[in-house]
Amino acid sequence: MAYQDILDGIYNEVIQIENTGKVADYIPELAKIDANKYGIALVDKHQNVFTKGDALEKFSIQSISKVFTFTLALNHYGKELYKRVGHEPSGNPFNSLVQLEYENGIPRNPFINAGAIVTADSLVSIYKKNTFDNILDFIKKTSNDETISYDEEIFESELANGFRNFALINMIKSFNNINNNIDEVIDT
């Protein structure tokens, strides 16, 4: 199959579409990112890699990390995890406080910020002080890429400006759905 030709075609078609998105400027370090960066990649079943555009540049995965943390937590807790974080669509913004209050501190799903926070808390309960390292190791193993790391400047920028996440974790804690120190969970 001509995967490179397919990627080239997709890339050339999409690059023509007006870029109406924007970077997450509420996080100063992310506000510096060029909004026109665009890359696509495909790895076939034989481990052949096909890329186009900026696909080989490192980038911050942001909320994509929620897939990895949820998978790791689900591996440890199984369906028990659903007692603390649901698996239904939210219909609200990813960082909404409203629905969380209506549902007594049980986030709708692990892919909104409140759900990711509860998922992180569940992992802190298992790994204690080494939670982040265990998550990063899981991402490296799952991705088959030992070069994956994190950016300290982005971490610090998010921590210094993550007021909504602090509001979320405090609300969740008020409903007794956070078991660990909130600073440790937020750092994770």
Protein backbone atom coordinates (compact mmCIF):
# COMPACT_ATOMS: atom_id res chain seq x y z
CA MET A 1 0.00 0.00 0.00
CA ALA A 2 1.26 3.51 -0.79
CA TYR A 3 1.01 4.93 2.72
CA GLN A 4 3.34 7.85 2.02
CA ASP A 5 1.18 8.91 -0.94
CA ILE A 6 -1.92 8.72 1.26
CA LEU A 7 -0.28 10.82 4.01
CA ASP A 8 0.95 13.33 1.45
CA GLY A 9 -2.58 13.64 0.06
CA ILE A 10 -4.15 14.09 3.49
CA TYR A 11 -1.50 16.61 4.51
CA ASN A 12 -1.88 18.64 1.32
CA GLU A 13 -5.66 18.69 1.63
CA VAL A 14 -5.73 19.66 5.31
CA ILE A 15 -2.99 22.31 5.03
CA GLN A 16 -5.33 24.23 2.71
CA ILE A 17 -7.99 24.54 5.43
CA GLU A 18 -7.92 27.80 7.36
CA ASN A 19 -6.36 27.34 10.80
CA THR A 20 -9.09 28.53 13.17
CA GLY A 21 -7.62 26.91 16.25
CA LYS A 22 -5.40 28.55 18.81
CA VAL A 23 -2.75 27.49 21.24
CA ALA A 24 -3.56 27.25 24.95
CA ASP A 25 -2.59 30.82 25.77
CA TYR A 26 -3.83 30.51 29.35
CA ILE A 27 -0.61 28.55 29.93
CA PRO A 28 2.17 31.05 29.13
CA GLU A 29 4.74 28.47 28.05
CA LEU A 30 2.28 26.93 25.58
CA ALA A 31 1.35 30.37 24.26
CA LYS A 32 4.83 30.48 22.71
CA ILE A 33 4.12 27.51 20.43
CA ASP A 34 3.70 28.17 16.70
CA ALA A 35 0.01 27.51 15.97
CA ASN A 36 0.87 26.51 12.40
CA LYS A 37 2.88 23.43 13.37
CA TYR A 38 1.32 20.42 11.70
CA GLY A 39 2.56 16.92 11.22
CA ILE A 40 1.11 13.49 10.71
CA ALA A 41 2.65 10.07 11.09
CA LEU A 42 1.69 6.47 10.53
CA VAL A 43 3.38 3.27 11.67
CA ASP A 44 2.23 0.16 9.84
CA LYS A 45 2.08 -3.36 11.27
CA HIS A 46 5.64 -3.99 10.04
CA GLN A 47 6.93 -0.97 12.03
CA ASN A 48 7.53 1.10 8.88
CA VAL A 49 7.21 4.79 9.73
CA PHE A 50 5.68 7.31 7.33
CA THR A 51 5.66 11.03 8.15
CA LYS A 52 4.76 14.38 6.65
CA GLY A 53 5.24 17.94 7.87
CA ASP A 54 6.42 18.59 11.43
CA ALA A 55 5.84 14.99 12.54
CA LEU A 56 9.37 14.45 13.80
CA GLU A 57 9.40 17.50 16.08
CA LYS A 58 8.85 16.93 19.79
CA PHE A 59 5.65 18.37 21.21
CA SER A 60 3.75 18.48 24.47
CA ILE A 61 1.05 15.79 24.41
CA GLN A 62 -1.10 17.63 26.99
CA SER A 63 -4.46 15.85 27.35
CA ILE A 64 -3.35 12.86 25.27
CA SER A 65 -1.59 11.81 28.48
CA LYS A 66 -5.04 11.12 29.96
CA VAL A 67 -5.34 8.05 27.73
CA PHE A 68 -2.15 6.62 29.21
CA THR A 69 -2.94 7.40 32.86
CA PHE A 70 -6.45 6.00 32.54
CA THR A 71 -5.14 2.83 30.90
CA LEU A 72 -2.57 2.40 33.66
CA ALA A 73 -5.17 2.97 36.39
CA LEU A 74 -7.65 0.64 34.70
CA ASN A 75 -4.94 -2.06 34.61
CA HIS A 76 -4.63 -1.77 38.40
CA TYR A 77 -8.23 -1.19 39.46
CA GLY A 78 -10.38 -2.69 36.73
CA LYS A 79 -14.06 -1.74 36.90
CA GLU A 80 -13.60 -0.56 40.51
CA LEU A 81 -12.17 2.65 39.06
CA TYR A 82 -15.63 3.52 37.73
CA LYS A 83 -16.83 4.07 41.30
CA ARG A 84 -14.60 7.16 41.39
CA VAL A 85 -14.67 8.32 37.76
CA GLY A 86 -17.42 7.62 35.28
CA HIS A 87 -17.36 6.62 31.63
CA GLU A 88 -20.05 8.80 30.10
CA PRO A 89 -19.72 11.87 27.85
CA SER A 90 -19.79 15.13 29.75
CA GLY A 91 -21.23 17.58 27.24
CA ASN A 92 -19.41 20.34 29.12
CA PRO A 93 -16.00 21.97 28.71
CA PHE A 94 -13.00 19.83 29.72
CA ASN A 95 -12.38 21.95 32.82
CA SER A 96 -15.97 22.55 33.97
CA LEU A 97 -16.83 22.75 37.67
CA VAL A 98 -20.60 22.77 37.21
CA GLN A 99 -21.26 19.13 36.35
CA LEU A 100 -18.79 17.97 38.99
CA GLU A 101 -20.84 19.66 41.70
CA TYR A 102 -24.10 18.21 40.43
CA GLU A 103 -22.60 14.74 40.45
CA ASN A 104 -21.13 14.90 43.95
CA GLY A 105 -17.46 14.97 42.95
CA ILE A 106 -17.62 11.99 40.58
CA PRO A 107 -16.24 13.17 37.22
CA ARG A 108 -18.13 12.03 34.15
CA ASN A 109 -15.10 10.44 32.48
CA PRO A 110 -11.30 10.22 32.73
CA PHE A 111 -10.72 12.49 29.73
CA ILE A 112 -11.95 15.70 31.28
CA ASN A 113 -9.65 17.43 33.76
CA ALA A 114 -11.62 16.38 36.84
CA GLY A 115 -11.51 12.75 35.69
CA ALA A 116 -7.79 12.96 34.99
CA ILE A 117 -7.23 14.36 38.49
CA VAL A 118 -9.12 11.47 40.11
CA THR A 119 -7.24 9.03 37.89
CA ALA A 120 -3.92 10.59 38.98
CA ASP A 121 -5.02 10.30 42.61
CA SER A 122 -5.75 6.60 42.11
CA LEU A 123 -2.22 6.13 40.74
CA VAL A 124 -0.64 8.11 43.60
CA SER A 125 -2.33 5.62 45.94
CA ILE A 126 -0.44 2.81 44.21
CA TYR A 127 2.95 4.32 43.38
CA LYS A 128 3.25 6.89 46.19
CA LYS A 129 6.24 9.20 45.59
CA ASN A 130 7.22 7.57 42.27
CA THR A 131 3.91 8.05 40.48
CA PHE A 132 5.10 10.39 37.75
CA ASP A 133 8.12 8.18 36.96
CA ASN A 134 5.88 5.12 36.70
CA ILE A 135 3.49 6.95 34.36
CA LEU A 136 6.37 8.18 32.20
CA ASP A 137 7.85 4.67 32.07
CA PHE A 138 4.45 3.29 31.02
CA ILE A 139 4.17 5.88 28.22
CA LYS A 140 7.70 5.06 27.01
CA LYS A 141 6.99 1.32 27.05
CA THR A 142 3.58 1.62 25.40
CA SER A 143 4.94 3.98 22.75
CA ASN A 144 8.13 1.94 22.29
CA ASP A 145 10.10 5.19 22.59
CA GLU A 146 12.65 5.69 25.36
CA THR A 147 13.29 9.29 24.26
CA ILE A 148 9.93 10.52 25.57
CA SER A 149 10.39 12.92 28.47
CA TYR A 150 8.74 16.00 29.91
CA ASP A 151 9.42 19.71 29.69
CA GLU A 152 10.17 21.33 33.06
CA GLU A 153 9.26 24.82 31.78
CA ILE A 154 5.82 23.69 30.62
CA PHE A 155 5.30 21.83 33.91
CA GLU A 156 6.15 24.97 35.91
CA SER A 157 3.99 27.16 33.66
CA GLU A 158 1.00 24.83 34.04
CA LEU A 159 1.49 24.59 37.80
CA ALA A 160 1.71 28.37 38.20
CA ASN A 161 -1.42 28.97 36.10
CA GLY A 162 -3.58 25.91 36.76
CA PHE A 163 -6.10 27.69 38.97
CA ARG A 164 -9.07 25.82 37.50
CA ASN A 165 -7.40 22.47 38.23
CA PHE A 166 -6.81 23.55 41.83
CA ALA A 167 -10.49 24.48 42.05
CA LEU A 168 -11.44 21.10 40.61
CA ILE A 169 -9.27 19.08 42.98
CA ASN A 170 -10.51 21.01 46.01
CA MET A 171 -14.12 20.45 44.97
CA ILE A 172 -13.47 16.74 44.40
CA LYS A 173 -11.70 16.54 47.77
CA SER A 174 -14.74 18.17 49.43
CA PHE A 175 -16.76 15.19 48.16
CA ASN A 176 -14.15 12.74 49.57
CA ASN A 177 -13.07 11.52 46.13
CA ILE A 178 -9.37 12.45 46.56
CA ASN A 179 -7.38 10.19 48.88
CA ASN A 180 -3.94 11.78 48.70
CA ASN A 181 -2.28 15.14 49.23
CA ILE A 182 -3.72 17.50 46.63
CA ASP A 183 -0.35 19.09 45.80
CA GLU A 184 1.14 15.67 45.10
CA VAL A 185 -1.81 14.74 42.89
CA ILE A 186 -1.68 18.03 40.96
CA ASP A 187 2.09 17.70 40.50
CA THR A 188 1.48 14.23 39.06
